[in-house]
Amino acid sequence: MKNVLLIALSMLFAMSARADDKLSQLFSGERDVYLRVVLEKPNGFDIRSKTIPKEVIEKAERDGKQVRPTRTTNFVISYWALLDDGTFKTFEQYNYGKEPIGDGRLTYAELEALFSKIPPLAQWKKSEVLSVGGTQFSLRDVETDDPGDAGKKGEIEIGWLTDGKPVYFYYCVPVSN
């Protein structure tokens, strides 16, 4: 029984170490990282309401339009760039009234060209948490599909932290070079 417990604990530690290694490598600051945000999910607080009036959000959603990325539509396409010089940039495209050509995915080379023209929004760094400007985020590698409409295997969960607790989630897919 003791051996079974030790094996189970060893497997859990190994899985956790692999996830930490992946995130540590990705957010090391040694190379440019591009993330496609595939889903935003409020957790008691809607971060979008800081930049879009609540009434506009409610009206858009009543009209069947999204104000944040979802996995089911390309009405909002969102990317983050965490560049190796410590700068953070973001890009969003709203496709109301028409479906975008293709699925909205851009290649690493296309993202390099796009983000080279966008001014930095903030500085970023990774220590215990991801810090972008004055905002802190938790990071989690999603290794198996979460229940419901949360993270899917292969995504990275980025949780906007307020008082150490995530109040808004970004589920992202890294774009490979």
N, C-alpha and C. Protein backbone atom coordinates (compact mmCIF):
# COMPACT_ATOMS: atom_id res chain seq x y z
N MET A 1 0.83 -1.19 0.00
CA MET A 1 0.00 0.00 0.00
C MET A 1 0.87 1.25 0.00
N LYS A 2 1.93 1.20 0.81
CA LYS A 2 2.85 2.32 0.92
C LYS A 2 3.51 2.60 -0.44
N ASN A 3 3.87 1.53 -1.16
CA ASN A 3 4.51 1.68 -2.46
C ASN A 3 3.55 2.30 -3.48
N VAL A 4 2.29 1.91 -3.44
CA VAL A 4 1.29 2.46 -4.35
C VAL A 4 1.13 3.96 -4.11
N LEU A 5 1.11 4.35 -2.84
CA LEU A 5 0.99 5.77 -2.50
C LEU A 5 2.21 6.54 -2.98
N LEU A 6 3.39 5.99 -2.80
CA LEU A 6 4.62 6.64 -3.26
C LEU A 6 4.64 6.78 -4.78
N ILE A 7 4.20 5.76 -5.48
CA ILE A 7 4.14 5.82 -6.95
C ILE A 7 3.16 6.89 -7.39
N ALA A 8 1.98 6.93 -6.76
CA ALA A 8 0.97 7.94 -7.12
C ALA A 8 1.49 9.35 -6.86
N LEU A 9 2.13 9.56 -5.72
CA LEU A 9 2.69 10.88 -5.41
C LEU A 9 3.80 11.25 -6.39
N SER A 10 4.64 10.29 -6.75
CA SER A 10 5.71 10.54 -7.72
C SER A 10 5.15 10.94 -9.07
N MET A 11 4.07 10.25 -9.50
CA MET A 11 3.44 10.58 -10.78
C MET A 11 2.85 11.98 -10.74
N LEU A 12 2.18 12.33 -9.65
CA LEU A 12 1.61 13.68 -9.52
C LEU A 12 2.71 14.73 -9.56
N PHE A 13 3.80 14.50 -8.85
CA PHE A 13 4.92 15.44 -8.84
C PHE A 13 5.51 15.59 -10.24
N ALA A 14 5.67 14.48 -10.95
CA ALA A 14 6.24 14.51 -12.31
C ALA A 14 5.33 15.29 -13.26
N MET A 15 4.02 15.07 -13.16
CA MET A 15 3.08 15.80 -14.01
C MET A 15 3.12 17.28 -13.70
N SER A 16 3.17 17.64 -12.43
CA SER A 16 3.24 19.04 -12.02
C SER A 16 4.54 19.68 -12.48
N ALA A 17 5.64 18.96 -12.38
CA ALA A 17 6.94 19.48 -12.81
C ALA A 17 6.95 19.73 -14.31
N ARG A 18 6.34 18.82 -15.09
CA ARG A 18 6.27 19.02 -16.55
C ARG A 18 5.50 20.28 -16.88
N ALA A 19 4.36 20.51 -16.23
CA ALA A 19 3.55 21.70 -16.47
C ALA A 19 4.34 22.95 -16.09
N ASP A 20 5.01 22.91 -14.92
CA ASP A 20 5.81 24.06 -14.50
C ASP A 20 6.94 24.32 -15.48
N ASP A 21 7.59 23.24 -15.98
CA ASP A 21 8.68 23.40 -16.94
C ASP A 21 8.18 24.06 -18.21
N LYS A 22 7.03 23.61 -18.71
CA LYS A 22 6.47 24.18 -19.95
C LYS A 22 6.20 25.66 -19.75
N LEU A 23 5.56 26.02 -18.67
CA LEU A 23 5.25 27.42 -18.42
C LEU A 23 6.51 28.24 -18.16
N SER A 24 7.45 27.67 -17.42
CA SER A 24 8.71 28.37 -17.15
C SER A 24 9.47 28.64 -18.44
N GLN A 25 9.51 27.67 -19.33
CA GLN A 25 10.19 27.86 -20.61
C GLN A 25 9.47 28.89 -21.46
N LEU A 26 8.15 28.77 -21.52
CA LEU A 26 7.37 29.68 -22.36
C LEU A 26 7.48 31.13 -21.87
N PHE A 27 7.44 31.33 -20.56
CA PHE A 27 7.45 32.68 -20.00
C PHE A 27 8.82 33.04 -19.41
N SER A 28 9.88 32.52 -19.99
CA SER A 28 11.24 32.79 -19.49
C SER A 28 11.74 34.18 -19.89
N GLY A 29 11.14 34.78 -20.92
CA GLY A 29 11.61 36.07 -21.40
C GLY A 29 12.77 35.95 -22.37
N GLU A 30 13.09 34.71 -22.77
CA GLU A 30 14.21 34.49 -23.68
C GLU A 30 13.81 34.52 -25.15
N ARG A 31 12.50 34.52 -25.41
CA ARG A 31 12.02 34.59 -26.79
C ARG A 31 10.65 35.25 -26.81
N ASP A 32 10.25 35.71 -27.97
CA ASP A 32 8.93 36.30 -28.12
C ASP A 32 7.88 35.19 -28.01
N VAL A 33 6.81 35.48 -27.27
CA VAL A 33 5.72 34.53 -27.10
C VAL A 33 4.42 35.19 -27.58
N TYR A 34 3.73 34.50 -28.47
CA TYR A 34 2.44 34.96 -28.96
C TYR A 34 1.38 33.97 -28.50
N LEU A 35 0.30 34.51 -27.95
CA LEU A 35 -0.81 33.69 -27.46
C LEU A 35 -2.09 34.12 -28.15
N ARG A 36 -2.85 33.15 -28.64
CA ARG A 36 -4.19 33.45 -29.13
C ARG A 36 -5.16 33.18 -28.00
N VAL A 37 -5.93 34.18 -27.63
CA VAL A 37 -6.94 34.03 -26.59
C VAL A 37 -8.15 33.37 -27.24
N VAL A 38 -8.49 32.16 -26.78
CA VAL A 38 -9.60 31.42 -27.38
C VAL A 38 -10.88 31.53 -26.57
N LEU A 39 -10.75 31.97 -25.31
CA LEU A 39 -11.93 32.12 -24.46
C LEU A 39 -11.61 33.05 -23.30
N GLU A 40 -12.51 33.96 -23.02
CA GLU A 40 -12.44 34.77 -21.80
C GLU A 40 -13.64 34.41 -20.96
N LYS A 41 -13.40 34.27 -19.65
CA LYS A 41 -14.49 33.82 -18.78
C LYS A 41 -14.46 34.60 -17.47
N PRO A 42 -15.51 35.39 -17.19
CA PRO A 42 -15.59 36.10 -15.91
C PRO A 42 -15.74 35.12 -14.75
N ASN A 43 -15.25 35.52 -13.60
CA ASN A 43 -15.39 34.73 -12.38
C ASN A 43 -15.81 35.67 -11.26
N GLY A 44 -16.99 36.25 -11.41
CA GLY A 44 -17.48 37.18 -10.41
C GLY A 44 -17.23 38.63 -10.76
N PHE A 45 -16.37 38.89 -11.75
CA PHE A 45 -16.09 40.26 -12.16
C PHE A 45 -15.80 40.25 -13.65
N ASP A 46 -16.37 41.19 -14.39
CA ASP A 46 -16.17 41.26 -15.83
C ASP A 46 -15.12 42.33 -16.14
N ILE A 47 -13.89 41.91 -16.44
CA ILE A 47 -12.80 42.84 -16.74
C ILE A 47 -13.16 43.70 -17.95
N ARG A 48 -13.91 43.15 -18.89
CA ARG A 48 -14.29 43.91 -20.09
C ARG A 48 -15.06 45.18 -19.71
N SER A 49 -15.73 45.17 -18.57
CA SER A 49 -16.51 46.35 -18.17
C SER A 49 -15.60 47.52 -17.78
N LYS A 50 -14.30 47.28 -17.65
CA LYS A 50 -13.37 48.38 -17.39
C LYS A 50 -13.13 49.22 -18.64
N THR A 51 -13.30 48.60 -19.83
CA THR A 51 -13.05 49.31 -21.08
C THR A 51 -14.30 49.47 -21.95
N ILE A 52 -15.29 48.63 -21.72
CA ILE A 52 -16.54 48.72 -22.47
C ILE A 52 -17.66 48.94 -21.46
N PRO A 53 -18.47 49.99 -21.65
CA PRO A 53 -19.57 50.20 -20.69
C PRO A 53 -20.47 48.97 -20.57
N LYS A 54 -20.88 48.69 -19.34
CA LYS A 54 -21.70 47.51 -19.06
C LYS A 54 -22.94 47.45 -19.96
N GLU A 55 -23.55 48.60 -20.23
CA GLU A 55 -24.75 48.64 -21.07
C GLU A 55 -24.44 48.19 -22.50
N VAL A 56 -23.26 48.57 -23.00
CA VAL A 56 -22.85 48.18 -24.35
C VAL A 56 -22.63 46.66 -24.39
N ILE A 57 -22.00 46.12 -23.35
CA ILE A 57 -21.79 44.68 -23.27
C ILE A 57 -23.13 43.95 -23.28
N GLU A 58 -24.05 44.40 -22.43
CA GLU A 58 -25.36 43.75 -22.33
C GLU A 58 -26.13 43.83 -23.65
N LYS A 59 -26.10 45.00 -24.32
CA LYS A 59 -26.80 45.14 -25.60
C LYS A 59 -26.18 44.24 -26.67
N ALA A 60 -24.87 44.22 -26.76
CA ALA A 60 -24.20 43.37 -27.74
C ALA A 60 -24.56 41.91 -27.52
N GLU A 61 -24.53 41.48 -26.27
CA GLU A 61 -24.85 40.08 -25.98
C GLU A 61 -26.32 39.77 -26.25
N ARG A 62 -27.24 40.72 -25.98
CA ARG A 62 -28.65 40.52 -26.31
C ARG A 62 -28.84 40.39 -27.82
N ASP A 63 -28.01 41.13 -28.59
CA ASP A 63 -28.09 41.09 -30.06
C ASP A 63 -27.36 39.88 -30.64
N GLY A 64 -26.83 39.01 -29.78
CA GLY A 64 -26.14 37.82 -30.25
C GLY A 64 -24.70 38.04 -30.65
N LYS A 65 -24.14 39.19 -30.28
CA LYS A 65 -22.74 39.47 -30.58
C LYS A 65 -21.90 39.26 -29.34
N GLN A 66 -20.66 38.87 -29.55
CA GLN A 66 -19.76 38.70 -28.43
C GLN A 66 -18.91 39.95 -28.24
N VAL A 67 -18.46 40.15 -27.01
CA VAL A 67 -17.55 41.26 -26.70
C VAL A 67 -16.21 40.70 -26.25
N ARG A 68 -16.12 39.39 -26.19
CA ARG A 68 -14.88 38.72 -25.78
C ARG A 68 -14.71 37.47 -26.64
N PRO A 69 -13.48 36.97 -26.77
CA PRO A 69 -13.27 35.77 -27.57
C PRO A 69 -14.03 34.56 -27.01
N THR A 70 -14.55 33.75 -27.92
CA THR A 70 -15.17 32.48 -27.56
C THR A 70 -14.64 31.41 -28.52
N ARG A 71 -14.77 30.17 -28.12
CA ARG A 71 -14.31 29.09 -28.99
C ARG A 71 -15.26 28.85 -30.16
N THR A 72 -16.50 29.30 -30.07
CA THR A 72 -17.50 28.95 -31.06
C THR A 72 -17.65 29.96 -32.19
N THR A 73 -17.12 31.18 -32.04
CA THR A 73 -17.23 32.18 -33.11
C THR A 73 -15.90 32.91 -33.29
N ASN A 74 -15.78 33.61 -34.39
CA ASN A 74 -14.63 34.47 -34.64
C ASN A 74 -15.05 35.93 -34.67
N PHE A 75 -16.11 36.27 -33.93
CA PHE A 75 -16.52 37.67 -33.88
C PHE A 75 -15.46 38.53 -33.19
N VAL A 76 -14.77 37.96 -32.21
CA VAL A 76 -13.68 38.67 -31.53
C VAL A 76 -12.45 37.78 -31.60
N ILE A 77 -11.41 38.28 -32.25
CA ILE A 77 -10.14 37.57 -32.34
C ILE A 77 -9.13 38.37 -31.53
N SER A 78 -8.45 37.69 -30.60
CA SER A 78 -7.57 38.37 -29.66
C SER A 78 -6.23 37.66 -29.54
N TYR A 79 -5.15 38.44 -29.59
CA TYR A 79 -3.79 37.90 -29.41
C TYR A 79 -3.05 38.72 -28.37
N TRP A 80 -2.16 38.06 -27.65
CA TRP A 80 -1.23 38.72 -26.73
C TRP A 80 0.19 38.46 -27.23
N ALA A 81 1.07 39.45 -27.06
CA ALA A 81 2.49 39.28 -27.36
C ALA A 81 3.28 39.64 -26.11
N LEU A 82 4.08 38.69 -25.64
CA LEU A 82 4.99 38.91 -24.53
C LEU A 82 6.38 38.80 -25.14
N LEU A 83 6.96 39.95 -25.43
CA LEU A 83 8.20 39.98 -26.20
C LEU A 83 9.43 39.84 -25.32
N ASP A 84 10.50 39.34 -25.92
CA ASP A 84 11.72 39.05 -25.14
C ASP A 84 12.40 40.30 -24.59
N ASP A 85 12.00 41.48 -25.06
CA ASP A 85 12.55 42.72 -24.49
C ASP A 85 11.75 43.20 -23.28
N GLY A 86 10.77 42.38 -22.84
CA GLY A 86 9.98 42.70 -21.65
C GLY A 86 8.74 43.52 -21.94
N THR A 87 8.42 43.75 -23.22
CA THR A 87 7.22 44.53 -23.52
C THR A 87 6.03 43.60 -23.79
N PHE A 88 4.86 44.13 -23.45
CA PHE A 88 3.59 43.42 -23.65
C PHE A 88 2.76 44.22 -24.64
N LYS A 89 2.17 43.52 -25.60
CA LYS A 89 1.29 44.14 -26.59
C LYS A 89 0.07 43.24 -26.75
N THR A 90 -1.01 43.82 -27.22
CA THR A 90 -2.21 43.03 -27.48
C THR A 90 -2.87 43.54 -28.75
N PHE A 91 -3.67 42.66 -29.37
CA PHE A 91 -4.37 42.99 -30.61
C PHE A 91 -5.73 42.32 -30.55
N GLU A 92 -6.76 43.09 -30.92
CA GLU A 92 -8.11 42.52 -31.04
C GLU A 92 -8.73 42.98 -32.33
N GLN A 93 -9.49 42.07 -32.94
CA GLN A 93 -10.21 42.37 -34.16
C GLN A 93 -11.67 41.98 -33.93
N TYR A 94 -12.56 42.91 -34.18
CA TYR A 94 -14.00 42.67 -34.05
C TYR A 94 -14.57 42.49 -35.45
N ASN A 95 -15.28 41.39 -35.66
CA ASN A 95 -15.79 41.03 -36.98
C ASN A 95 -17.31 41.03 -37.01
N TYR A 96 -17.92 42.04 -36.47
CA TYR A 96 -19.38 42.10 -36.45
C TYR A 96 -19.91 42.32 -37.86
N GLY A 97 -21.01 41.62 -38.15
CA GLY A 97 -21.66 41.80 -39.44
C GLY A 97 -21.13 40.88 -40.51
N LYS A 98 -19.98 40.25 -40.26
CA LYS A 98 -19.44 39.33 -41.25
C LYS A 98 -18.56 38.31 -40.53
N GLU A 99 -18.48 37.15 -41.10
CA GLU A 99 -17.54 36.16 -40.57
C GLU A 99 -16.18 36.45 -41.18
N PRO A 100 -15.13 36.34 -40.41
CA PRO A 100 -13.80 36.59 -40.97
C PRO A 100 -13.40 35.49 -41.95
N ILE A 101 -12.50 35.83 -42.84
CA ILE A 101 -11.97 34.84 -43.76
C ILE A 101 -11.15 33.84 -42.94
N GLY A 102 -11.37 32.57 -43.16
CA GLY A 102 -10.63 31.55 -42.41
C GLY A 102 -11.10 31.49 -40.97
N ASP A 103 -10.22 31.00 -40.12
CA ASP A 103 -10.60 30.81 -38.73
C ASP A 103 -9.98 31.85 -37.80
N GLY A 104 -9.32 32.85 -38.35
CA GLY A 104 -8.76 33.91 -37.52
C GLY A 104 -7.39 33.60 -36.96
N ARG A 105 -6.86 32.41 -37.26
CA ARG A 105 -5.53 32.05 -36.73
C ARG A 105 -4.45 32.67 -37.60
N LEU A 106 -3.47 33.25 -36.95
CA LEU A 106 -2.33 33.82 -37.64
C LEU A 106 -1.09 32.99 -37.32
N THR A 107 -0.15 32.95 -38.25
CA THR A 107 1.09 32.23 -38.02
C THR A 107 2.02 33.09 -37.17
N TYR A 108 3.07 32.47 -36.68
CA TYR A 108 4.08 33.18 -35.89
C TYR A 108 4.66 34.34 -36.71
N ALA A 109 4.99 34.08 -37.98
CA ALA A 109 5.56 35.13 -38.84
C ALA A 109 4.55 36.27 -39.05
N GLU A 110 3.29 35.94 -39.25
CA GLU A 110 2.26 36.97 -39.41
C GLU A 110 2.12 37.80 -38.13
N LEU A 111 2.21 37.14 -36.97
CA LEU A 111 2.12 37.85 -35.69
C LEU A 111 3.33 38.76 -35.48
N GLU A 112 4.53 38.29 -35.86
CA GLU A 112 5.71 39.14 -35.75
C GLU A 112 5.53 40.42 -36.55
N ALA A 113 5.04 40.30 -37.79
CA ALA A 113 4.81 41.47 -38.63
C ALA A 113 3.73 42.37 -38.05
N LEU A 114 2.64 41.79 -37.59
CA LEU A 114 1.53 42.56 -37.01
C LEU A 114 2.00 43.33 -35.77
N PHE A 115 2.64 42.63 -34.83
CA PHE A 115 3.01 43.26 -33.57
C PHE A 115 4.19 44.21 -33.69
N SER A 116 4.96 44.14 -34.78
CA SER A 116 6.06 45.08 -34.96
C SER A 116 5.55 46.51 -35.14
N LYS A 117 4.29 46.65 -35.54
CA LYS A 117 3.69 47.97 -35.79
C LYS A 117 2.89 48.49 -34.60
N ILE A 118 2.69 47.66 -33.58
CA ILE A 118 1.86 48.03 -32.43
C ILE A 118 2.75 48.52 -31.29
N PRO A 119 2.42 49.68 -30.71
CA PRO A 119 3.25 50.17 -29.59
C PRO A 119 3.03 49.33 -28.33
N PRO A 120 4.05 49.26 -27.47
CA PRO A 120 3.91 48.49 -26.23
C PRO A 120 2.84 49.10 -25.32
N LEU A 121 2.12 48.23 -24.60
CA LEU A 121 1.14 48.67 -23.62
C LEU A 121 1.73 48.71 -22.21
N ALA A 122 2.64 47.78 -21.95
CA ALA A 122 3.19 47.65 -20.59
C ALA A 122 4.45 46.80 -20.65
N GLN A 123 5.09 46.66 -19.50
CA GLN A 123 6.21 45.74 -19.33
C GLN A 123 5.67 44.48 -18.68
N TRP A 124 6.31 43.35 -18.94
CA TRP A 124 5.88 42.10 -18.33
C TRP A 124 7.10 41.37 -17.76
N LYS A 125 6.82 40.52 -16.76
CA LYS A 125 7.85 39.63 -16.21
C LYS A 125 7.15 38.48 -15.52
N LYS A 126 7.88 37.40 -15.38
CA LYS A 126 7.34 36.21 -14.71
C LYS A 126 8.23 35.88 -13.53
N SER A 127 7.65 35.83 -12.36
CA SER A 127 8.33 35.31 -11.18
C SER A 127 7.41 34.25 -10.60
N GLU A 128 6.87 34.46 -9.41
CA GLU A 128 5.87 33.52 -8.87
C GLU A 128 4.60 33.59 -9.72
N VAL A 129 4.29 34.78 -10.20
CA VAL A 129 3.11 35.00 -11.03
C VAL A 129 3.56 35.78 -12.27
N LEU A 130 2.68 35.92 -13.22
CA LEU A 130 2.93 36.75 -14.40
C LEU A 130 2.48 38.16 -14.06
N SER A 131 3.36 39.12 -14.22
CA SER A 131 3.02 40.52 -13.97
C SER A 131 3.05 41.27 -15.30
N VAL A 132 1.96 41.95 -15.61
CA VAL A 132 1.87 42.79 -16.80
C VAL A 132 1.48 44.17 -16.32
N GLY A 133 2.42 45.12 -16.46
CA GLY A 133 2.17 46.43 -15.87
C GLY A 133 2.01 46.25 -14.38
N GLY A 134 0.93 46.74 -13.82
CA GLY A 134 0.67 46.58 -12.39
C GLY A 134 -0.29 45.46 -12.07
N THR A 135 -0.61 44.63 -13.04
CA THR A 135 -1.59 43.55 -12.85
C THR A 135 -0.89 42.21 -12.75
N GLN A 136 -1.36 41.38 -11.83
CA GLN A 136 -0.78 40.05 -11.66
C GLN A 136 -1.75 38.98 -12.14
N PHE A 137 -1.16 37.91 -12.69
CA PHE A 137 -1.93 36.80 -13.25
C PHE A 137 -1.36 35.48 -12.78
N SER A 138 -2.25 34.53 -12.49
CA SER A 138 -1.82 33.16 -12.24
C SER A 138 -1.68 32.47 -13.59
N LEU A 139 -0.87 31.42 -13.62
CA LEU A 139 -0.68 30.64 -14.84
C LEU A 139 -0.91 29.17 -14.54
N ARG A 140 -1.60 28.49 -15.46
CA ARG A 140 -1.81 27.05 -15.31
C ARG A 140 -1.83 26.42 -16.68
N ASP A 141 -1.05 25.36 -16.84
CA ASP A 141 -1.07 24.57 -18.06
C ASP A 141 -2.24 23.60 -17.94
N VAL A 142 -3.18 23.67 -18.86
CA VAL A 142 -4.35 22.78 -18.82
C VAL A 142 -3.95 21.46 -19.46
N GLU A 143 -3.83 20.41 -18.64
CA GLU A 143 -3.35 19.12 -19.13
C GLU A 143 -4.46 18.18 -19.55
N THR A 144 -5.66 18.37 -19.01
CA THR A 144 -6.83 17.61 -19.44
C THR A 144 -8.01 18.58 -19.47
N ASP A 145 -8.99 18.28 -20.30
CA ASP A 145 -10.16 19.16 -20.41
C ASP A 145 -10.80 19.37 -19.05
N ASP A 146 -11.04 20.63 -18.70
CA ASP A 146 -11.77 20.96 -17.48
C ASP A 146 -13.25 20.70 -17.72
N PRO A 147 -14.03 20.48 -16.65
CA PRO A 147 -15.47 20.32 -16.83
C PRO A 147 -16.10 21.62 -17.35
N GLY A 148 -17.17 21.48 -18.09
CA GLY A 148 -17.88 22.66 -18.58
C GLY A 148 -17.11 23.38 -19.67
N ASP A 149 -17.21 24.70 -19.66
CA ASP A 149 -16.59 25.49 -20.73
C ASP A 149 -15.30 26.18 -20.28
N ALA A 150 -14.59 25.58 -19.34
CA ALA A 150 -13.32 26.15 -18.89
C ALA A 150 -12.21 25.67 -19.82
N GLY A 151 -11.02 25.44 -19.29
CA GLY A 151 -9.85 25.13 -20.10
C GLY A 151 -9.93 23.79 -20.81
N LYS A 152 -9.28 23.75 -21.96
CA LYS A 152 -9.17 22.53 -22.75
C LYS A 152 -7.70 22.12 -22.81
N LYS A 153 -7.46 20.83 -22.95
CA LYS A 153 -6.11 20.29 -22.99
C LYS A 153 -5.26 21.06 -24.01
N GLY A 154 -4.04 21.45 -23.59
CA GLY A 154 -3.13 22.18 -24.46
C GLY A 154 -3.21 23.69 -24.33
N GLU A 155 -4.23 24.17 -23.63
CA GLU A 155 -4.36 25.62 -23.42
C GLU A 155 -3.62 26.05 -22.16
N ILE A 156 -3.43 27.33 -22.05
CA ILE A 156 -2.87 27.93 -20.84
C ILE A 156 -3.95 28.79 -20.22
N GLU A 157 -4.21 28.58 -18.95
CA GLU A 157 -5.17 29.40 -18.21
C GLU A 157 -4.39 30.54 -17.57
N ILE A 158 -4.80 31.76 -17.88
CA ILE A 158 -4.20 32.95 -17.28
C ILE A 158 -5.31 33.61 -16.46
N GLY A 159 -5.12 33.65 -15.15
CA GLY A 159 -6.14 34.19 -14.24
C GLY A 159 -5.77 35.57 -13.73
N TRP A 160 -6.60 36.57 -14.02
CA TRP A 160 -6.41 37.93 -13.53
C TRP A 160 -6.61 37.89 -12.02
N LEU A 161 -5.60 38.28 -11.26
CA LEU A 161 -5.66 38.17 -9.81
C LEU A 161 -6.07 39.49 -9.15
N THR A 162 -7.01 39.40 -8.24
CA THR A 162 -7.39 40.50 -7.36
C THR A 162 -7.36 39.94 -5.95
N ASP A 163 -6.56 40.57 -5.10
CA ASP A 163 -6.36 40.07 -3.73
C ASP A 163 -5.94 38.60 -3.73
N GLY A 164 -5.10 38.21 -4.71
CA GLY A 164 -4.58 36.86 -4.77
C GLY A 164 -5.53 35.82 -5.33
N LYS A 165 -6.73 36.23 -5.74
CA LYS A 165 -7.72 35.28 -6.27
C LYS A 165 -8.06 35.64 -7.72
N PRO A 166 -8.20 34.62 -8.59
CA PRO A 166 -8.55 34.92 -9.99
C PRO A 166 -10.00 35.38 -10.11
N VAL A 167 -10.18 36.52 -10.78
CA VAL A 167 -11.52 37.07 -10.98
C VAL A 167 -11.94 37.04 -12.45
N TYR A 168 -11.02 36.65 -13.33
CA TYR A 168 -11.30 36.63 -14.76
C TYR A 168 -10.27 35.70 -15.39
N PHE A 169 -10.71 34.87 -16.32
CA PHE A 169 -9.80 33.90 -16.93
C PHE A 169 -9.65 34.13 -18.42
N TYR A 170 -8.42 33.98 -18.87
CA TYR A 170 -8.10 33.96 -20.31
C TYR A 170 -7.58 32.56 -20.60
N TYR A 171 -8.17 31.89 -21.57
CA TYR A 171 -7.68 30.60 -22.01
C TYR A 171 -7.00 30.82 -23.36
N CYS A 172 -5.71 30.47 -23.41
CA CYS A 172 -4.88 30.83 -24.55
C CYS A 172 -4.18 29.62 -25.14
N VAL A 173 -3.88 29.73 -26.44
CA VAL A 173 -3.10 28.72 -27.13
C VAL A 173 -1.83 29.41 -27.62
N PRO A 174 -0.67 28.89 -27.23
CA PRO A 174 0.58 29.47 -27.74
C PRO A 174 0.71 29.23 -29.25
N VAL A 175 1.24 30.21 -29.96
CA VAL A 175 1.48 30.08 -31.40
C VAL A 175 2.94 29.67 -31.57
N SER A 176 3.16 28.54 -32.18
CA SER A 176 4.51 28.00 -32.33
C SER A 176 5.28 28.70 -33.44
N ASN A 177 6.59 28.76 -33.23
CA ASN A 177 7.49 29.35 -34.21
C ASN A 177 7.86 28.31 -35.23
